[in-house]
């Protein structure tokens, strides 16, 4: 049904509607996505990885390269 709607959108708008196809596909995915299973909250923990306490690696993430 999504595919037929895409074709109709593109044909009826003479191709201008093609810019909305990516949003339509994203919305379809999000609407029909589901998650199942059990959540064990007592097994969730915070990471124990040691990292720098100042800037939290923001300089490396932005790849400034000045230092």
Protein backbone atom coordinates (compact mmCIF):
# COMPACT_ATOMS: atom_id res chain seq x y z
CA UNK A 1 0.00 0.00 0.00
CA UNK A 2 2.86 2.37 0.76
CA UNK A 3 4.41 1.72 -2.64
CA UNK A 4 1.16 2.43 -4.47
CA UNK A 5 0.73 5.66 -2.50
CA UNK A 6 4.27 6.67 -3.43
CA UNK A 7 3.57 6.11 -7.12
CA UNK A 8 0.30 8.07 -6.93
CA UNK A 9 2.00 10.93 -5.08
CA UNK A 10 4.78 11.25 -7.64
CA UNK A 11 2.47 10.96 -10.66
CA UNK A 12 -0.25 13.31 -9.38
CA UNK A 13 2.25 16.03 -8.43
CA UNK A 14 4.33 15.66 -11.61
CA UNK A 15 7.35 14.54 -9.58
CA UNK A 16 7.31 17.32 -6.99
CA UNK A 17 5.91 14.92 -4.38
CA UNK A 18 9.08 12.84 -4.59
CA UNK A 19 10.65 15.07 -1.95
CA UNK A 20 8.14 13.70 0.59
CA UNK A 21 8.91 10.03 -0.04
CA UNK A 22 11.71 9.79 2.50
CA UNK A 23 9.44 11.22 5.22
CA UNK A 24 6.60 8.87 4.23
CA UNK A 25 8.90 5.85 4.50
CA UNK A 26 10.29 7.02 7.88
CA UNK A 27 6.78 7.63 9.24
CA UNK A 28 5.62 4.22 8.01
CA UNK A 29 8.58 2.54 9.72
CA UNK A 30 8.07 4.37 13.02
CA UNK A 31 4.32 3.75 13.02
CA UNK A 32 4.67 0.02 12.41
CA UNK A 33 7.73 -0.61 14.58
CA UNK A 34 7.20 -2.67 17.70
CA UNK A 35 9.22 -4.11 20.52
CA UNK A 36 8.50 -7.27 22.46
CA UNK A 37 10.12 -9.10 25.32
CA UNK A 38 10.80 -8.72 29.00
CA UNK A 39 12.72 -5.85 30.58
CA UNK A 40 14.85 -6.79 33.57
CA UNK A 41 15.46 -3.47 35.31
CA UNK A 42 17.49 -5.02 38.13
CA UNK A 43 20.17 -6.03 35.59
CA UNK A 44 20.62 -2.49 34.21
CA UNK A 45 23.82 -0.82 35.40
CA UNK A 46 25.84 2.25 34.57
CA UNK A 47 29.05 1.79 32.62
CA UNK A 48 32.21 1.51 34.73
CA UNK A 49 34.51 2.66 31.90
CA UNK A 50 37.00 5.31 33.04
CA UNK A 51 36.88 8.47 30.91
CA UNK A 52 38.19 12.01 31.12
CA UNK A 53 36.17 14.15 33.55
CA UNK A 54 36.65 17.50 31.76
CA UNK A 55 34.93 18.08 28.44
CA UNK A 56 33.96 14.42 28.31
CA UNK A 57 35.90 13.89 25.08
CA UNK A 58 34.10 16.67 23.23
CA UNK A 59 37.35 17.93 21.69
CA UNK A 60 38.04 14.48 20.23
CA UNK A 61 34.44 14.11 19.03
CA UNK A 62 34.59 17.42 17.15
CA UNK A 63 38.10 16.63 15.82
CA UNK A 64 39.38 20.16 16.39
CA UNK A 65 43.01 19.18 15.82
CA UNK A 66 44.34 22.40 17.37
CA UNK A 67 46.07 20.66 20.27
